[in-house]
C-alpha atoms as a PDB file:
ATOM      1  CA  MET A   1       0.000   0.000   0.000  1.00  0.00           C
ATOM      2  CA  ALA A   2       1.354   3.406  -0.982  1.00  0.00           C
ATOM      3  CA  GLU A   3       2.229   5.896   1.711  1.00  0.00           C
ATOM      4  CA  SER A   4      -0.332   8.729   1.884  1.00  0.00           C
ATOM      5  CA  LEU A   5       0.638  12.334   1.336  1.00  0.00           C
ATOM      6  CA  GLU A   6      -0.037  13.041   5.021  1.00  0.00           C
ATOM      7  CA  ASP A   7       2.162  10.106   6.078  1.00  0.00           C
ATOM      8  CA  ARG A   8       4.972  11.373   3.851  1.00  0.00           C
ATOM      9  CA  VAL A   9       4.692  14.885   5.319  1.00  0.00           C
ATOM     10  CA  ARG A  10       4.744  13.379   8.817  1.00  0.00           C
ATOM     11  CA  ARG A  11       7.820  11.247   7.986  1.00  0.00           C
ATOM     12  CA  VAL A  12       9.740  14.203   6.486  1.00  0.00           C
ATOM     13  CA  THR A  13       8.776  16.463   9.397  1.00  0.00           C
ATOM     14  CA  ALA A  14       9.929  13.864  11.921  1.00  0.00           C
ATOM     15  CA  ALA A  15      13.255  13.415  10.114  1.00  0.00           C
ATOM     16  CA  VAL A  16      14.006  17.150   9.877  1.00  0.00           C
ATOM     17  CA  LEU A  17      12.928  17.938  13.442  1.00  0.00           C
ATOM     18  CA  LYS A  18      14.346  14.672  14.843  1.00  0.00           C
ATOM     19  CA  ILE A  19      11.126  13.767  16.639  1.00  0.00           C
ATOM     20  CA  ASP A  20       8.855  10.714  16.824  1.00  0.00           C
ATOM     21  CA  PRO A  21       6.376  10.757  13.914  1.00  0.00           C
ATOM     22  CA  ALA A  22       3.710   9.418  16.301  1.00  0.00           C
ATOM     23  CA  VAL A  23       3.511  12.814  18.037  1.00  0.00           C
ATOM     24  CA  ILE A  24       2.764  14.648  14.781  1.00  0.00           C
ATOM     25  CA  ARG A  25      -0.914  15.427  14.152  1.00  0.00           C
ATOM     26  CA  PRO A  26      -2.583  17.500  11.394  1.00  0.00           C
ATOM     27  CA  GLU A  27      -3.276  20.246  13.933  1.00  0.00           C
ATOM     28  CA  SER A  28       0.333  20.245  15.211  1.00  0.00           C
ATOM     29  CA  ARG A  29       1.961  23.649  14.773  1.00  0.00           C
ATOM     30  CA  PHE A  30       5.527  23.404  13.493  1.00  0.00           C
ATOM     31  CA  ALA A  31       7.013  25.985  15.875  1.00  0.00           C
ATOM     32  CA  ALA A  32       4.718  26.023  18.906  1.00  0.00           C
ATOM     33  CA  ASP A  33       3.984  22.292  19.155  1.00  0.00           C
ATOM     34  CA  LEU A  34       6.882  20.574  17.393  1.00  0.00           C
ATOM     35  CA  GLY A  35       9.670  22.982  18.326  1.00  0.00           C
ATOM     36  CA  ALA A  36      10.765  23.995  14.822  1.00  0.00           C
ATOM     37  CA  GLU A  37      13.155  26.925  14.796  1.00  0.00           C
ATOM     38  CA  SER A  38      13.357  29.319  11.842  1.00  0.00           C
ATOM     39  CA  ILE A  39      16.267  27.502  10.176  1.00  0.00           C
ATOM     40  CA  GLN A  40      14.378  24.220  10.508  1.00  0.00           C
ATOM     41  CA  SER A  41      11.389  25.802   8.770  1.00  0.00           C
ATOM     42  CA  VAL A  42      13.612  26.473   5.768  1.00  0.00           C
ATOM     43  CA  GLU A  43      14.958  22.905   5.978  1.00  0.00           C
ATOM     44  CA  LEU A  44      11.385  21.568   6.069  1.00  0.00           C
ATOM     45  CA  VAL A  45      10.446  23.462   2.902  1.00  0.00           C
ATOM     46  CA  ALA A  46      13.530  22.095   1.124  1.00  0.00           C
ATOM     47  CA  ALA A  47      12.811  18.567   2.350  1.00  0.00           C
ATOM     48  CA  PHE A  48       9.177  18.750   1.193  1.00  0.00           C
ATOM     49  CA  GLU A  49      10.304  20.001  -2.215  1.00  0.00           C
ATOM     50  CA  GLU A  50      12.749  17.104  -2.516  1.00  0.00           C
ATOM     51  CA  GLU A  51      10.272  14.483  -1.226  1.00  0.00           C
ATOM     52  CA  PHE A  52       7.502  15.560  -3.594  1.00  0.00           C
ATOM     53  CA  ASP A  53       9.704  16.762  -6.498  1.00  0.00           C
ATOM     54  CA  LEU A  54       8.086  20.180  -6.652  1.00  0.00           C
ATOM     55  CA  THR A  55       8.781  23.848  -6.044  1.00  0.00           C
ATOM     56  CA  LEU A  56       6.759  25.520  -3.324  1.00  0.00           C
ATOM     57  CA  ASP A  57       6.040  29.228  -3.076  1.00  0.00           C
ATOM     58  CA  GLU A  58       8.573  30.138  -0.394  1.00  0.00           C
ATOM     59  CA  ASP A  59       6.468  32.819   1.304  1.00  0.00           C
ATOM     60  CA  GLU A  60       3.387  30.593   1.436  1.00  0.00           C
ATOM     61  CA  ALA A  61       5.385  27.580   2.599  1.00  0.00           C
ATOM     62  CA  LEU A  62       7.194  29.476   5.354  1.00  0.00           C
ATOM     63  CA  SER A  63       3.933  31.002   6.602  1.00  0.00           C
ATOM     64  CA  THR A  64       2.280  27.571   6.851  1.00  0.00           C
ATOM     65  CA  GLU A  65       1.856  26.949  10.569  1.00  0.00           C
ATOM     66  CA  THR A  66       0.384  23.443  10.885  1.00  0.00           C
ATOM     67  CA  VAL A  67       1.124  20.012   9.489  1.00  0.00           C
ATOM     68  CA  GLY A  68      -2.390  19.839   8.025  1.00  0.00           C
ATOM     69  CA  ALA A  69      -1.902  23.175   6.274  1.00  0.00           C
ATOM     70  CA  ALA A  70       1.379  21.880   4.830  1.00  0.00           C
ATOM     71  CA  VAL A  71      -0.424  18.804   3.483  1.00  0.00           C
ATOM     72  CA  THR A  72      -3.040  21.065   1.859  1.00  0.00           C
ATOM     73  CA  CYS A  73      -0.378  23.363   0.395  1.00  0.00           C
ATOM     74  CA  ILE A  74       1.596  20.441  -1.051  1.00  0.00           C
ATOM     75  CA  ALA A  75      -1.542  18.755  -2.425  1.00  0.00           C
ATOM     76  CA  ARG A  76      -2.581  22.014  -4.113  1.00  0.00           C
ATOM     77  CA  GLN A  77       0.874  22.416  -5.680  1.00  0.00           C
ATOM     78  CA  LEU A  78       0.958  18.793  -6.864  1.00  0.00           C
ATOM     79  CA  ALA A  79      -2.484  19.228  -8.460  1.00  0.00           C
ATOM     80  CA  ALA A  80      -1.396  22.461 -10.182  1.00  0.00           C
ATOM     81  CA  GLU A  81       1.745  20.832 -11.566  1.00  0.00           C
ATOM     82  CA  SER A  82      -0.170  17.835 -12.924  1.00  0.00           C
ATOM     83  CA  GLU A  83      -2.508  20.003 -15.021  1.00  0.00           C
END
């Protein structure tokens, strides 16, 4: 069974932030809940771009506060690139 987009975002987030993926929820806020610092936010954007082979709008990506919002942002970009 293929890994879902949300599972992939959770896996990448856990790897970049060096945390247990089990603690990551859609409503988890990258900075407030998961402890991401500003440099890690940039690393997350780069890791998502590599994982999903896409280019995210940097301003939108860096202003994304929750894991669920990141999933939505990535899904929207993937859909736009497949058109």
